[in-house]
Every structure is written in structure tokens, then in C-alpha cells.
Amino acid sequence: MEQARAEGTDGFDGFVAARWSALFHLARLFCAGDRHRAEDLLQEALVKLWFAWPKVADEAPEAYVRKVLARAAARSARRRWWGERPVEALPDVALTGDESAAVVERSRLEAALAQLPPRQRAAVVLRYYQDLPEKQVAEVLGCPLGTARSHASRGVARLRQILADVIEPVG
């Protein structure tokens, strides 16, 4: 058993190393840009993947993680308290190069996504960021195809409205 688990960890470790960045970005989108919630969400999803790895390794581990992330994000959005505690001093922030335009655009999108209800946000992220077919979006969300289409359509319409209100002319 231990040898089988040890052999299986190579594939798991490789999968996590290869897909961490994309999965983390997906989790951030589900959490409307909240990096810390996204880290917690992804960690929870990867723990569940670890235990299911022997069953899903040869099939679709990314689809499995995507489904766990979407459901956990919807479940956690219903929670009222996250258990954060205030601290006196903030941690140091790492300095990077000037990526202000990309950060501004990403922040605008994350802020707009944050204004959507969790199910609409998940449908939009899965459909248009992950480029999943509508049928898979419905499966991940655990709802009928028509409901998934409705969530995505309403979410996109609301995003257009939100982003159109915020656009300021450059000049």
C-alpha cells in the first residue's frame, strides 16, 4: 500500500507543479480576487485530490479539482465569518517591476467579478476563463444545463454593465 501510494505521489506532485499557477488563478477568480481565500480554497481542493488521486489520476484530475474549487467557493461564499484576526503590523510587501497596467485591468475584472453572485461568478469563470463547454459548466456547478446557461448569460450581462460604468476615457 505504501509503495503504491509513493509511486502515485510522483504523478500528483508533477500535476500540482505543472498546474499550480493556473489552478491558483482560477481559485482567485472564484474568490473575486481574494488571494488568501483562494490559497485556502486551492489547498482544500488539492487535499481532496490527494485522497482521490488513485481514482482520478488517469482520467481528469484537473476537471476534478475544478469541480471541487467551484463547489467549495460557492459553499464558502455562504459563510459569514472566515476566522481572520486583526494584527498590529502588516507584513512587508514584495516589490516588483512596473506591471501597473496589467494589475489595474486585472483588478477591475476582479472587482467586477466580486459584484456577481457566487453561482454567476463561477459560471462565468468556468465558461469564459476556463473555456469549458456549457454541459461541463452545468456538471461542475451541479445544476441543469439551462440553469448554467442562465447563470453565465446573466453574469456576462452584469459584467458588461459594471465594466461599462467604470470605463474612463484615456487622454
Protein backbone atom coordinates (compact mmCIF):
# COMPACT_ATOMS: atom_id res chain seq x y z
CA MET A 1 0.00 0.00 0.00
CA GLU A 2 2.76 2.44 0.99
CA GLN A 3 4.71 1.65 -2.17
CA ALA A 4 1.62 2.17 -4.33
CA ARG A 5 0.95 5.50 -2.57
CA ALA A 6 4.61 6.53 -3.01
CA GLU A 7 4.50 5.72 -6.72
CA GLY A 8 1.28 7.69 -7.06
CA THR A 9 2.76 10.77 -5.40
CA ASP A 10 5.11 11.31 -8.32
CA GLY A 11 2.17 11.87 -10.63
CA PHE A 12 0.37 14.00 -8.07
CA ASP A 13 3.43 16.13 -7.36
CA GLY A 14 4.04 16.59 -11.08
CA PHE A 15 0.42 17.55 -11.68
CA VAL A 16 0.47 20.11 -8.86
CA ALA A 17 3.81 21.55 -10.01
CA ALA A 18 2.59 21.87 -13.60
CA ARG A 19 -0.89 23.23 -12.89
CA TRP A 20 -0.46 25.20 -9.64
CA SER A 21 -0.34 28.63 -11.25
CA ALA A 22 -3.41 28.08 -13.44
CA LEU A 23 -5.38 26.48 -10.62
CA PHE A 24 -4.46 29.29 -8.23
CA HIS A 25 -5.57 31.89 -10.76
CA LEU A 26 -8.85 30.03 -11.19
CA ALA A 27 -9.33 29.94 -7.41
CA ARG A 28 -8.65 33.70 -7.23
CA LEU A 29 -11.33 34.31 -9.83
CA PHE A 30 -13.78 32.16 -7.86
CA CYS A 31 -12.91 34.21 -4.76
CA ALA A 32 -13.23 37.55 -6.56
CA GLY A 33 -9.51 38.28 -6.24
CA ASP A 34 -9.09 37.44 -2.56
CA ARG A 35 -5.64 35.85 -2.64
CA HIS A 36 -5.80 34.38 0.85
CA ARG A 37 -9.21 32.79 0.38
CA ALA A 38 -8.01 31.45 -2.98
CA GLU A 39 -4.97 29.84 -1.33
CA ASP A 40 -7.20 28.21 1.27
CA LEU A 41 -9.66 27.07 -1.38
CA LEU A 42 -6.94 25.58 -3.58
CA GLN A 43 -5.29 23.86 -0.63
CA GLU A 44 -8.63 22.28 0.32
CA ALA A 45 -9.18 21.14 -3.28
CA LEU A 46 -5.68 19.64 -3.55
CA VAL A 47 -6.11 17.74 -0.29
CA LYS A 48 -9.30 16.22 -1.69
CA LEU A 49 -7.47 15.45 -4.94
CA TRP A 50 -4.68 13.73 -3.00
CA PHE A 51 -7.13 11.28 -1.46
CA ALA A 52 -8.91 10.71 -4.79
CA TRP A 53 -5.69 10.61 -6.84
CA PRO A 54 -5.61 6.83 -7.45
CA LYS A 55 -9.13 7.06 -8.93
CA VAL A 56 -8.79 10.25 -10.99
CA ALA A 57 -5.10 10.32 -11.96
CA ASP A 58 -5.59 8.61 -15.30
CA GLU A 59 -8.88 10.30 -16.10
CA ALA A 60 -9.27 14.01 -15.46
CA PRO A 61 -7.56 15.36 -12.35
CA GLU A 62 -7.91 18.97 -13.47
CA ALA A 63 -11.65 18.60 -14.03
CA TYR A 64 -11.91 17.07 -10.57
CA VAL A 65 -10.06 19.97 -8.95
CA ARG A 66 -12.11 22.48 -10.94
CA LYS A 67 -15.33 20.91 -9.66
CA VAL A 68 -14.08 20.86 -6.06
CA LEU A 69 -12.98 24.51 -6.36
CA ALA A 70 -16.31 25.67 -7.78
CA ARG A 71 -18.33 23.88 -5.13
CA ALA A 72 -16.07 24.92 -2.28
CA ALA A 73 -16.16 28.56 -3.46
CA ALA A 74 -19.96 28.53 -3.53
CA ARG A 75 -20.07 26.90 -0.10
CA SER A 76 -17.54 29.29 1.42
CA ALA A 77 -19.34 32.33 -0.01
CA ARG A 78 -22.26 31.45 2.24
CA ARG A 79 -20.08 31.57 5.36
CA ARG A 80 -20.29 34.76 7.34
CA TRP A 81 -17.03 34.60 9.28
CA TRP A 82 -13.65 33.50 7.99
CA GLY A 83 -11.76 33.42 11.26
CA GLU A 84 -9.38 36.26 10.43
CA ARG A 85 -7.88 38.15 13.30
CA PRO A 86 -6.53 41.70 13.07
CA VAL A 87 -2.81 42.21 13.63
CA GLU A 88 -0.90 45.30 14.67
CA ALA A 89 1.76 45.29 11.97
CA LEU A 90 1.25 44.44 8.34
CA PRO A 91 3.75 42.11 6.65
CA ASP A 92 6.31 43.57 4.25
CA VAL A 93 5.17 43.71 0.65
CA ALA A 94 7.49 42.43 -2.06
CA LEU A 95 8.49 44.99 -4.68
CA THR A 96 8.16 44.07 -8.35
CA GLY A 97 8.64 45.74 -11.71
CA ASP A 98 6.05 48.15 -13.10
CA GLU A 99 3.14 45.98 -14.10
CA SER A 100 0.60 48.65 -13.30
CA ALA A 101 -1.49 48.40 -16.48
CA ALA A 102 -1.95 44.65 -16.13
CA VAL A 103 -2.65 44.96 -12.42
CA VAL A 104 -5.21 47.71 -12.99
CA GLU A 105 -7.02 45.68 -15.64
CA ARG A 106 -6.95 42.51 -13.55
CA SER A 107 -8.14 44.46 -10.52
CA ARG A 108 -11.03 45.95 -12.50
CA LEU A 109 -12.10 42.49 -13.63
CA GLU A 110 -11.75 41.00 -10.14
CA ALA A 111 -13.74 43.89 -8.65
CA ALA A 112 -16.44 43.41 -11.26
CA LEU A 113 -16.49 39.65 -10.64
CA ALA A 114 -16.81 40.31 -6.91
CA GLN A 115 -20.11 42.07 -7.55
CA LEU A 116 -21.64 38.98 -9.13
CA PRO A 117 -23.47 36.37 -7.05
CA PRO A 118 -21.24 33.31 -6.41
CA ARG A 119 -23.06 30.97 -8.83
CA GLN A 120 -22.98 33.53 -11.66
CA ARG A 121 -19.30 34.24 -10.95
CA ALA A 122 -18.49 30.52 -11.05
CA ALA A 123 -20.44 30.05 -14.30
CA VAL A 124 -18.70 32.98 -15.99
CA VAL A 125 -15.23 31.89 -14.83
CA LEU A 126 -15.75 28.27 -15.87
CA ARG A 127 -17.35 29.12 -19.21
CA TYR A 128 -15.20 32.02 -20.39
CA TYR A 129 -11.94 31.85 -18.45
CA GLN A 130 -11.62 28.06 -18.36
CA ASP A 131 -13.36 27.79 -21.76
CA LEU A 132 -15.46 24.82 -20.64
CA PRO A 133 -18.46 23.75 -22.71
CA GLU A 134 -21.83 24.62 -21.18
CA LYS A 135 -22.50 20.98 -20.37
CA GLN A 136 -19.33 20.73 -18.26
CA VAL A 137 -20.13 24.01 -16.52
CA ALA A 138 -23.51 22.55 -15.55
CA GLU A 139 -21.84 19.37 -14.27
CA VAL A 140 -19.30 21.31 -12.20
CA LEU A 141 -21.99 23.54 -10.72
CA GLY A 142 -24.27 20.57 -10.15
CA CYS A 143 -27.24 22.16 -11.89
CA PRO A 144 -29.26 21.67 -15.11
CA LEU A 145 -27.78 22.90 -18.40
CA GLY A 146 -30.37 25.68 -18.74
CA THR A 147 -29.58 26.99 -15.28
CA ALA A 148 -25.85 27.06 -16.04
CA ARG A 149 -26.55 28.93 -19.30
CA SER A 150 -28.73 31.39 -17.43
CA HIS A 151 -26.09 32.00 -14.76
CA ALA A 152 -23.40 32.58 -17.40
CA SER A 153 -25.61 34.83 -19.53
CA ARG A 154 -26.76 36.96 -16.62
CA GLY A 155 -23.24 37.13 -15.24
CA VAL A 156 -21.77 38.34 -18.54
CA ALA A 157 -24.56 40.90 -18.97
CA ARG A 158 -23.93 42.21 -15.45
CA LEU A 159 -20.15 42.32 -16.03
CA ARG A 160 -20.68 44.35 -19.20
CA GLN A 161 -22.87 46.75 -17.28
CA ILE A 162 -20.39 47.07 -14.40
CA LEU A 163 -17.35 47.48 -16.64
CA ALA A 164 -19.11 49.97 -18.94
CA ASP A 165 -19.92 52.16 -15.93
CA VAL A 166 -16.29 52.20 -14.81
CA ILE A 167 -14.54 52.85 -18.14
CA GLU A 168 -12.96 56.28 -18.20
CA PRO A 169 -11.57 57.85 -21.37
CA VAL A 170 -7.77 57.98 -21.56
CA GLY A 171 -6.42 61.29 -22.63
